[in-house]
């Protein structure tokens, strides 16, 4: 890995930094001279991240970063609850109409709806997309199969808007010829995707996102392999699945650091 093109002129920083912060230009200069992956990450994880974590003068910045992270997480949680609620309401409405209309294929459809509700209850499987994304895709697939029965789908989806579930890439994709303005039970999910977009960029603007990545690298660099061999991967509830997936992502970072 070559870091030569990503340089900072630290001569502009040196006169303005005093006390313990005067070491920052030196840390940056050393990092910019590391042109091998191992040397760069060793410096980053042994000196840069610990300094940022412990400096008393940087505590206000750390507090601001933590406040921004919590605000973001609260927004994510709010949208996730909305997504789950929308899917649950759509499932209940479909089940009610199927019973009222004595729909001929009701057993098969009701079984699929029950599977969706089970995913919402248990959190689905480890290493899969978020459980509400899986549930939304499955519900979209049911609606696709019921397209000819518009009386069942009213207020669940718009008649000119539908998505199809692709099992190889479980994301929401529009079908050509059936595109429309929106799908009722996916409205909050799209808003959630928009919110997450800022954290998925290669070069994020939010400082807290950059720090999350730095700290993940720091943990992955120093953790022993035994950390991942004990209990930790659990299923049964959305909370357990979330913790398990977080541990799995950290293990992926750890594997990458071992390669370096």
C-alpha atoms as a PDB file:
ATOM      1  CA  UNK A   1       0.000   0.000   0.000  1.00  0.00           C
ATOM      2  CA  UNK A   2       1.395   3.392  -0.975  1.00  0.00           C
ATOM      3  CA  UNK A   3       0.447   6.388   1.156  1.00  0.00           C
ATOM      4  CA  UNK A   4       2.634   8.905  -0.694  1.00  0.00           C
ATOM      5  CA  UNK A   5      -0.303  10.659  -2.342  1.00  0.00           C
ATOM      6  CA  UNK A   6      -2.167  11.230   0.949  1.00  0.00           C
ATOM      7  CA  UNK A   7       0.093  13.793   2.624  1.00  0.00           C
ATOM      8  CA  UNK A   8      -0.547  16.551   5.151  1.00  0.00           C
ATOM      9  CA  UNK A   9       1.738  19.579   5.477  1.00  0.00           C
ATOM     10  CA  UNK A  10       2.427  19.364   9.213  1.00  0.00           C
ATOM     11  CA  UNK A  11       4.601  22.470   9.128  1.00  0.00           C
ATOM     12  CA  UNK A  12       1.354  24.434   9.246  1.00  0.00           C
ATOM     13  CA  UNK A  13       0.319  22.615  12.433  1.00  0.00           C
ATOM     14  CA  UNK A  14       3.556  22.779  14.429  1.00  0.00           C
ATOM     15  CA  UNK A  15       3.446  26.481  15.446  1.00  0.00           C
ATOM     16  CA  UNK A  16      -0.174  26.243  16.652  1.00  0.00           C
ATOM     17  CA  UNK A  17       0.150  23.122  18.821  1.00  0.00           C
ATOM     18  CA  UNK A  18       1.701  23.239  22.271  1.00  0.00           C
ATOM     19  CA  UNK A  19       2.057  20.923  25.246  1.00  0.00           C
ATOM     20  CA  UNK A  20       1.146  17.308  24.701  1.00  0.00           C
ATOM     21  CA  UNK A  21      -0.486  18.153  21.360  1.00  0.00           C
ATOM     22  CA  UNK A  22       2.888  19.167  19.932  1.00  0.00           C
ATOM     23  CA  UNK A  23       3.550  15.468  19.310  1.00  0.00           C
ATOM     24  CA  UNK A  24       0.744  15.277  16.716  1.00  0.00           C
ATOM     25  CA  UNK A  25       2.767  16.633  13.746  1.00  0.00           C
ATOM     26  CA  UNK A  26       5.477  14.094  14.530  1.00  0.00           C
ATOM     27  CA  UNK A  27       2.951  11.237  14.616  1.00  0.00           C
ATOM     28  CA  UNK A  28       1.523  12.361  11.280  1.00  0.00           C
ATOM     29  CA  UNK A  29       4.961  12.760   9.706  1.00  0.00           C
ATOM     30  CA  UNK A  30       5.994   9.263  10.788  1.00  0.00           C
ATOM     31  CA  UNK A  31       2.716   7.803   9.456  1.00  0.00           C
ATOM     32  CA  UNK A  32       3.310   9.465   6.085  1.00  0.00           C
ATOM     33  CA  UNK A  33       6.734   7.884   5.836  1.00  0.00           C
ATOM     34  CA  UNK A  34       5.284   4.381   6.292  1.00  0.00           C
ATOM     35  CA  UNK A  35       4.749   3.023   2.815  1.00  0.00           C
ATOM     36  CA  UNK A  36       4.203  -0.618   3.776  1.00  0.00           C
ATOM     37  CA  UNK A  37       0.913  -1.835   5.230  1.00  0.00           C
ATOM     38  CA  UNK A  38       2.467  -3.490   8.275  1.00  0.00           C
ATOM     39  CA  UNK A  39       4.609  -0.474   9.201  1.00  0.00           C
ATOM     40  CA  UNK A  40       1.705   1.932   8.761  1.00  0.00           C
ATOM     41  CA  UNK A  41      -0.819  -0.027  10.849  1.00  0.00           C
ATOM     42  CA  UNK A  42       1.739  -0.832  13.531  1.00  0.00           C
ATOM     43  CA  UNK A  43       2.389   2.891  13.955  1.00  0.00           C
ATOM     44  CA  UNK A  44      -1.318   3.702  13.809  1.00  0.00           C
ATOM     45  CA  UNK A  45      -2.349   1.067  16.370  1.00  0.00           C
ATOM     46  CA  UNK A  46       0.645   1.400  18.683  1.00  0.00           C
ATOM     47  CA  UNK A  47       0.984   5.177  18.863  1.00  0.00           C
ATOM     48  CA  UNK A  48      -1.663   7.230  17.042  1.00  0.00           C
ATOM     49  CA  UNK A  49      -4.886   5.653  18.349  1.00  0.00           C
ATOM     50  CA  UNK A  50      -3.616   5.316  21.962  1.00  0.00           C
ATOM     51  CA  UNK A  51      -2.542   8.980  21.940  1.00  0.00           C
ATOM     52  CA  UNK A  52      -5.938  10.169  20.654  1.00  0.00           C
ATOM     53  CA  UNK A  53      -7.686   7.930  23.215  1.00  0.00           C
ATOM     54  CA  UNK A  54      -5.759   9.161  26.248  1.00  0.00           C
ATOM     55  CA  UNK A  55      -4.886  12.799  25.608  1.00  0.00           C
ATOM     56  CA  UNK A  56      -6.614  15.023  28.191  1.00  0.00           C
ATOM     57  CA  UNK A  57      -6.559  17.977  25.822  1.00  0.00           C
ATOM     58  CA  UNK A  58      -8.478  15.951  23.223  1.00  0.00           C
ATOM     59  CA  UNK A  59     -11.199  14.947  25.699  1.00  0.00           C
ATOM     60  CA  UNK A  60     -13.674  17.624  24.456  1.00  0.00           C
ATOM     61  CA  UNK A  61     -13.225  16.308  20.915  1.00  0.00           C
ATOM     62  CA  UNK A  62     -13.759  12.732  22.110  1.00  0.00           C
ATOM     63  CA  UNK A  63     -16.927  13.787  23.953  1.00  0.00           C
ATOM     64  CA  UNK A  64     -18.235  15.563  20.858  1.00  0.00           C
ATOM     65  CA  UNK A  65     -17.454  12.507  18.759  1.00  0.00           C
ATOM     66  CA  UNK A  66     -19.287  10.260  21.232  1.00  0.00           C
ATOM     67  CA  UNK A  67     -22.319  12.582  21.275  1.00  0.00           C
ATOM     68  CA  UNK A  68     -22.479  12.473  17.470  1.00  0.00           C
ATOM     69  CA  UNK A  69     -22.212   8.692  17.473  1.00  0.00           C
ATOM     70  CA  UNK A  70     -25.011   8.348  20.042  1.00  0.00           C
ATOM     71  CA  UNK A  71     -27.210  10.736  18.082  1.00  0.00           C
ATOM     72  CA  UNK A  72     -26.671   8.673  14.952  1.00  0.00           C
ATOM     73  CA  UNK A  73     -27.366   5.395  16.765  1.00  0.00           C
ATOM     74  CA  UNK A  74     -30.565   6.819  18.260  1.00  0.00           C
ATOM     75  CA  UNK A  75     -31.727   7.811  14.773  1.00  0.00           C
ATOM     76  CA  UNK A  76     -30.898   4.342  13.463  1.00  0.00           C
ATOM     77  CA  UNK A  77     -32.845   2.709  16.318  1.00  0.00           C
ATOM     78  CA  UNK A  78     -35.835   4.976  15.686  1.00  0.00           C
ATOM     79  CA  UNK A  79     -35.989   4.016  12.007  1.00  0.00           C
ATOM     80  CA  UNK A  80     -35.426   0.328  12.751  1.00  0.00           C
ATOM     81  CA  UNK A  81     -38.438   0.332  15.089  1.00  0.00           C
ATOM     82  CA  UNK A  82     -40.503   2.021  12.372  1.00  0.00           C
ATOM     83  CA  UNK A  83     -39.412  -0.547   9.776  1.00  0.00           C
ATOM     84  CA  UNK A  84     -40.329  -3.467  12.039  1.00  0.00           C
ATOM     85  CA  UNK A  85     -43.681  -1.862  12.880  1.00  0.00           C
ATOM     86  CA  UNK A  86     -44.495  -1.298   9.190  1.00  0.00           C
ATOM     87  CA  UNK A  87     -43.671  -4.905   8.302  1.00  0.00           C
ATOM     88  CA  UNK A  88     -45.673  -6.272  11.227  1.00  0.00           C
ATOM     89  CA  UNK A  89     -48.695  -4.141  10.294  1.00  0.00           C
ATOM     90  CA  UNK A  90     -48.472  -5.226   6.655  1.00  0.00           C
ATOM     91  CA  UNK A  91     -48.284  -8.896   7.707  1.00  0.00           C
ATOM     92  CA  UNK A  92     -51.302  -8.553   9.988  1.00  0.00           C
ATOM     93  CA  UNK A  93     -53.301  -6.780   7.277  1.00  0.00           C
ATOM     94  CA  UNK A  94     -52.472  -9.453   4.712  1.00  0.00           C
ATOM     95  CA  UNK A  95     -53.389 -12.269   7.106  1.00  0.00           C
ATOM     96  CA  UNK A  96     -56.712 -10.613   7.934  1.00  0.00           C
ATOM     97  CA  UNK A  97     -57.640 -10.170   4.270  1.00  0.00           C
ATOM     98  CA  UNK A  98     -56.643 -13.706   3.371  1.00  0.00           C
ATOM     99  CA  UNK A  99     -58.943 -15.051   6.086  1.00  0.00           C
ATOM    100  CA  UNK A 100     -61.792 -12.686   5.147  1.00  0.00           C
ATOM    101  CA  UNK A 101     -61.561 -13.519   1.431  1.00  0.00           C
ATOM    102  CA  UNK A 102     -61.044 -17.254   1.998  1.00  0.00           C
ATOM    103  CA  UNK A 103     -58.125 -16.991  -0.391  1.00  0.00           C
ATOM    104  CA  UNK A 104     -57.569 -20.335  -2.120  1.00  0.00           C
ATOM    105  CA  UNK A 105     -53.790 -20.400  -1.547  1.00  0.00           C
ATOM    106  CA  UNK A 106     -54.064 -19.138   2.006  1.00  0.00           C
ATOM    107  CA  UNK A 107     -52.143 -21.971   3.708  1.00  0.00           C
ATOM    108  CA  UNK A 108     -48.993 -21.425   1.686  1.00  0.00           C
ATOM    109  CA  UNK A 109     -49.133 -17.642   1.966  1.00  0.00           C
ATOM    110  CA  UNK A 110     -49.948 -17.727   5.676  1.00  0.00           C
ATOM    111  CA  UNK A 111     -46.983 -20.018   6.265  1.00  0.00           C
ATOM    112  CA  UNK A 112     -44.703 -17.513   4.512  1.00  0.00           C
ATOM    113  CA  UNK A 113     -46.142 -14.664   6.568  1.00  0.00           C
ATOM    114  CA  UNK A 114     -45.555 -16.670   9.756  1.00  0.00           C
ATOM    115  CA  UNK A 115     -41.938 -17.178   8.664  1.00  0.00           C
ATOM    116  CA  UNK A 116     -41.573 -13.407   8.315  1.00  0.00           C
ATOM    117  CA  UNK A 117     -43.000 -12.846  11.782  1.00  0.00           C
ATOM    118  CA  UNK A 118     -40.596 -15.433  13.156  1.00  0.00           C
ATOM    119  CA  UNK A 119     -37.670 -13.550  11.613  1.00  0.00           C
ATOM    120  CA  UNK A 120     -38.874 -10.348  13.286  1.00  0.00           C
ATOM    121  CA  UNK A 121     -39.129 -12.169  16.615  1.00  0.00           C
ATOM    122  CA  UNK A 122     -35.822 -14.061  16.593  1.00  0.00           C
ATOM    123  CA  UNK A 123     -33.634 -11.729  14.526  1.00  0.00           C
ATOM    124  CA  UNK A 124     -33.040 -14.314  11.807  1.00  0.00           C
ATOM    125  CA  UNK A 125     -29.608 -15.811  11.198  1.00  0.00           C
ATOM    126  CA  UNK A 126     -26.077 -14.694  11.971  1.00  0.00           C
ATOM    127  CA  UNK A 127     -23.998 -13.367   9.048  1.00  0.00           C
ATOM    128  CA  UNK A 128     -27.143 -12.345   7.110  1.00  0.00           C
ATOM    129  CA  UNK A 129     -28.434  -8.849   6.271  1.00  0.00           C
ATOM    130  CA  UNK A 130     -30.330  -7.073   9.040  1.00  0.00           C
ATOM    131  CA  UNK A 131     -33.347  -9.148  10.058  1.00  0.00           C
ATOM    132  CA  UNK A 132     -35.843  -6.448   9.074  1.00  0.00           C
ATOM    133  CA  UNK A 133     -34.248  -6.257   5.611  1.00  0.00           C
ATOM    134  CA  UNK A 134     -34.711 -10.016   5.212  1.00  0.00           C
ATOM    135  CA  UNK A 135     -38.318  -9.718   6.428  1.00  0.00           C
ATOM    136  CA  UNK A 136     -39.039  -6.822   4.051  1.00  0.00           C
ATOM    137  CA  UNK A 137     -37.622  -8.786   1.096  1.00  0.00           C
ATOM    138  CA  UNK A 138     -39.695 -11.829   1.968  1.00  0.00           C
ATOM    139  CA  UNK A 139     -42.827  -9.696   2.270  1.00  0.00           C
ATOM    140  CA  UNK A 140     -42.066  -8.048  -1.073  1.00  0.00           C
ATOM    141  CA  UNK A 141     -41.789 -11.518  -2.620  1.00  0.00           C
ATOM    142  CA  UNK A 142     -45.215 -12.464  -1.255  1.00  0.00           C
ATOM    143  CA  UNK A 143     -46.726  -9.285  -2.711  1.00  0.00           C
ATOM    144  CA  UNK A 144     -45.111 -10.069  -6.048  1.00  0.00           C
ATOM    145  CA  UNK A 145     -46.765 -13.496  -6.020  1.00  0.00           C
ATOM    146  CA  UNK A 146     -50.123 -11.883  -5.151  1.00  0.00           C
ATOM    147  CA  UNK A 147     -49.921  -9.203  -7.833  1.00  0.00           C
ATOM    148  CA  UNK A 148     -53.050 -10.528  -9.561  1.00  0.00           C
ATOM    149  CA  UNK A 149     -55.034 -10.227  -6.331  1.00  0.00           C
ATOM    150  CA  UNK A 150     -55.024  -6.459  -5.885  1.00  0.00           C
ATOM    151  CA  UNK A 151     -57.840  -6.560  -3.304  1.00  0.00           C
ATOM    152  CA  UNK A 152     -55.392  -8.234  -0.916  1.00  0.00           C
ATOM    153  CA  UNK A 153     -52.623  -5.709  -1.475  1.00  0.00           C
ATOM    154  CA  UNK A 154     -54.472  -2.411  -1.068  1.00  0.00           C
ATOM    155  CA  UNK A 155     -52.692  -0.186   1.508  1.00  0.00           C
ATOM    156  CA  UNK A 156     -49.915  -2.761   1.710  1.00  0.00           C
ATOM    157  CA  UNK A 157     -48.251  -1.753  -1.561  1.00  0.00           C
ATOM    158  CA  UNK A 158     -49.188   0.690  -4.278  1.00  0.00           C
ATOM    159  CA  UNK A 159     -50.594  -1.119  -7.298  1.00  0.00           C
ATOM    160  CA  UNK A 160     -47.937   0.372  -9.577  1.00  0.00           C
ATOM    161  CA  UNK A 161     -45.033  -0.243  -7.203  1.00  0.00           C
ATOM    162  CA  UNK A 162     -43.515  -3.589  -6.389  1.00  0.00           C
ATOM    163  CA  UNK A 163     -40.161  -5.126  -5.537  1.00  0.00           C
ATOM    164  CA  UNK A 164     -38.773  -8.561  -6.177  1.00  0.00           C
ATOM    165  CA  UNK A 165     -36.598 -10.539  -3.785  1.00  0.00           C
ATOM    166  CA  UNK A 166     -33.293 -11.687  -5.253  1.00  0.00           C
ATOM    167  CA  UNK A 167     -31.973 -14.511  -3.017  1.00  0.00           C
ATOM    168  CA  UNK A 168     -28.410 -14.053  -4.266  1.00  0.00           C
ATOM    169  CA  UNK A 169     -28.357 -10.384  -3.242  1.00  0.00           C
ATOM    170  CA  UNK A 170     -31.071  -9.895  -0.618  1.00  0.00           C
ATOM    171  CA  UNK A 171     -31.796  -6.241  -1.255  1.00  0.00           C
ATOM    172  CA  UNK A 172     -34.820  -4.348  -2.485  1.00  0.00           C
ATOM    173  CA  UNK A 173     -34.744  -3.942  -6.282  1.00  0.00           C
ATOM    174  CA  UNK A 174     -37.484  -2.572  -8.518  1.00  0.00           C
ATOM    175  CA  UNK A 175     -38.971  -4.720 -11.285  1.00  0.00           C
ATOM    176  CA  UNK A 176     -38.924  -3.122 -14.731  1.00  0.00           C
ATOM    177  CA  UNK A 177     -42.428  -2.202 -15.801  1.00  0.00           C
ATOM    178  CA  UNK A 178     -43.658  -2.187 -12.208  1.00  0.00           C
ATOM    179  CA  UNK A 179     -41.786   0.839 -10.924  1.00  0.00           C
ATOM    180  CA  UNK A 180     -43.783   3.292  -8.855  1.00  0.00           C
ATOM    181  CA  UNK A 181     -43.395   5.927  -6.203  1.00  0.00           C
ATOM    182  CA  UNK A 182     -42.974   3.767  -3.121  1.00  0.00           C
ATOM    183  CA  UNK A 183     -43.943   0.633  -1.258  1.00  0.00           C
ATOM    184  CA  UNK A 184     -45.825   1.278   1.961  1.00  0.00           C
ATOM    185  CA  UNK A 185     -44.024  -1.179   4.199  1.00  0.00           C
ATOM    186  CA  UNK A 186     -40.605  -0.161   2.866  1.00  0.00           C
ATOM    187  CA  UNK A 187     -40.896   3.608   3.360  1.00  0.00           C
ATOM    188  CA  UNK A 188     -38.920   3.739   6.618  1.00  0.00           C
ATOM    189  CA  UNK A 189     -36.420   1.218   5.255  1.00  0.00           C
ATOM    190  CA  UNK A 190     -35.471   3.580   2.428  1.00  0.00           C
ATOM    191  CA  UNK A 191     -35.102   6.430   4.913  1.00  0.00           C
ATOM    192  CA  UNK A 192     -32.888   4.159   7.000  1.00  0.00           C
ATOM    193  CA  UNK A 193     -30.703   3.413   3.966  1.00  0.00           C
ATOM    194  CA  UNK A 194     -30.325   7.159   3.317  1.00  0.00           C
ATOM    195  CA  UNK A 195     -29.217   7.698   6.910  1.00  0.00           C
ATOM    196  CA  UNK A 196     -26.675   4.887   6.729  1.00  0.00           C
ATOM    197  CA  UNK A 197     -25.186   6.126   3.476  1.00  0.00           C
ATOM    198  CA  UNK A 198     -22.980   8.661   5.266  1.00  0.00           C
ATOM    199  CA  UNK A 199     -21.177   5.896   7.185  1.00  0.00           C
ATOM    200  CA  UNK A 200     -20.616   3.663   4.152  1.00  0.00           C
ATOM    201  CA  UNK A 201     -18.577   6.088   2.069  1.00  0.00           C
ATOM    202  CA  UNK A 202     -14.924   5.311   1.454  1.00  0.00           C
ATOM    203  CA  UNK A 203     -14.045   8.778   2.751  1.00  0.00           C
ATOM    204  CA  UNK A 204     -16.721   9.672   5.350  1.00  0.00           C
ATOM    205  CA  UNK A 205     -17.180  13.274   6.448  1.00  0.00           C
ATOM    206  CA  UNK A 206     -18.237  12.571  10.039  1.00  0.00           C
ATOM    207  CA  UNK A 207     -15.298  12.431  12.449  1.00  0.00           C
ATOM    208  CA  UNK A 208     -16.967   9.829  14.653  1.00  0.00           C
ATOM    209  CA  UNK A 209     -17.152   7.420  11.679  1.00  0.00           C
ATOM    210  CA  UNK A 210     -13.432   7.858  11.019  1.00  0.00           C
ATOM    211  CA  UNK A 211     -12.714   7.196  14.678  1.00  0.00           C
ATOM    212  CA  UNK A 212     -14.884   4.059  14.672  1.00  0.00           C
ATOM    213  CA  UNK A 213     -12.763   2.689  11.844  1.00  0.00           C
ATOM    214  CA  UNK A 214      -9.508   3.659  13.548  1.00  0.00           C
ATOM    215  CA  UNK A 215     -10.559   2.032  16.800  1.00  0.00           C
ATOM    216  CA  UNK A 216     -11.741  -1.121  15.013  1.00  0.00           C
ATOM    217  CA  UNK A 217      -8.286  -1.368  13.436  1.00  0.00           C
ATOM    218  CA  UNK A 218      -6.694  -0.836  16.862  1.00  0.00           C
ATOM    219  CA  UNK A 219      -8.772  -3.616  18.465  1.00  0.00           C
ATOM    220  CA  UNK A 220      -8.188  -6.011  15.582  1.00  0.00           C
ATOM    221  CA  UNK A 221      -4.439  -5.354  15.733  1.00  0.00           C
ATOM    222  CA  UNK A 222      -4.093  -6.148  19.442  1.00  0.00           C
ATOM    223  CA  UNK A 223      -6.748  -8.776  20.230  1.00  0.00           C
ATOM    224  CA  UNK A 224      -5.537 -12.394  20.584  1.00  0.00           C
ATOM    225  CA  UNK A 225      -7.189 -15.131  18.563  1.00  0.00           C
ATOM    226  CA  UNK A 226      -8.498 -16.645  21.812  1.00  0.00           C
ATOM    227  CA  UNK A 227     -10.859 -13.652  22.118  1.00  0.00           C
ATOM    228  CA  UNK A 228     -13.012 -15.169  19.371  1.00  0.00           C
ATOM    229  CA  UNK A 229     -12.939 -18.771  20.615  1.00  0.00           C
ATOM    230  CA  UNK A 230     -15.069 -18.301  23.729  1.00  0.00           C
ATOM    231  CA  UNK A 231     -18.866 -17.906  23.947  1.00  0.00           C
ATOM    232  CA  UNK A 232     -20.201 -14.958  22.014  1.00  0.00           C
ATOM    233  CA  UNK A 233     -22.033 -16.025  18.876  1.00  0.00           C
ATOM    234  CA  UNK A 234     -25.647 -16.360  20.031  1.00  0.00           C
ATOM    235  CA  UNK A 235     -29.044 -16.433  18.327  1.00  0.00           C
ATOM    236  CA  UNK A 236     -32.677 -16.295  19.373  1.00  0.00           C
ATOM    237  CA  UNK A 237     -33.404 -12.564  19.639  1.00  0.00           C
ATOM    238  CA  UNK A 238     -32.613  -9.484  17.516  1.00  0.00           C
ATOM    239  CA  UNK A 239     -30.318  -8.184  20.283  1.00  0.00           C
ATOM    240  CA  UNK A 240     -28.294 -11.427  20.392  1.00  0.00           C
ATOM    241  CA  UNK A 241     -28.041 -11.503  16.603  1.00  0.00           C
ATOM    242  CA  UNK A 242     -26.855  -7.882  16.566  1.00  0.00           C
ATOM    243  CA  UNK A 243     -24.123  -8.614  19.116  1.00  0.00           C
ATOM    244  CA  UNK A 244     -23.087 -11.752  17.245  1.00  0.00           C
ATOM    245  CA  UNK A 245     -22.846  -9.892  13.943  1.00  0.00           C
ATOM    246  CA  UNK A 246     -20.769  -7.149  15.600  1.00  0.00           C
ATOM    247  CA  UNK A 247     -18.392  -9.808  16.897  1.00  0.00           C
ATOM    248  CA  UNK A 248     -18.276 -11.412  13.450  1.00  0.00           C
ATOM    249  CA  UNK A 249     -17.392  -8.069  11.813  1.00  0.00           C
ATOM    250  CA  UNK A 250     -14.613  -7.571  14.349  1.00  0.00           C
ATOM    251  CA  UNK A 251     -13.344 -11.063  13.523  1.00  0.00           C
ATOM    252  CA  UNK A 252     -13.255 -10.055   9.835  1.00  0.00           C
ATOM    253  CA  UNK A 253     -11.161  -6.995  10.744  1.00  0.00           C
ATOM    254  CA  UNK A 254      -8.933  -9.236  12.849  1.00  0.00           C
ATOM    255  CA  UNK A 255      -8.412 -11.618   9.926  1.00  0.00           C
ATOM    256  CA  UNK A 256      -7.412  -8.693   7.720  1.00  0.00           C
ATOM    257  CA  UNK A 257      -4.923  -7.464  10.318  1.00  0.00           C
ATOM    258  CA  UNK A 258      -3.437 -10.941  10.575  1.00  0.00           C
ATOM    259  CA  UNK A 259      -2.940 -10.889   6.821  1.00  0.00           C
ATOM    260  CA  UNK A 260      -1.124  -7.560   7.141  1.00  0.00           C
END
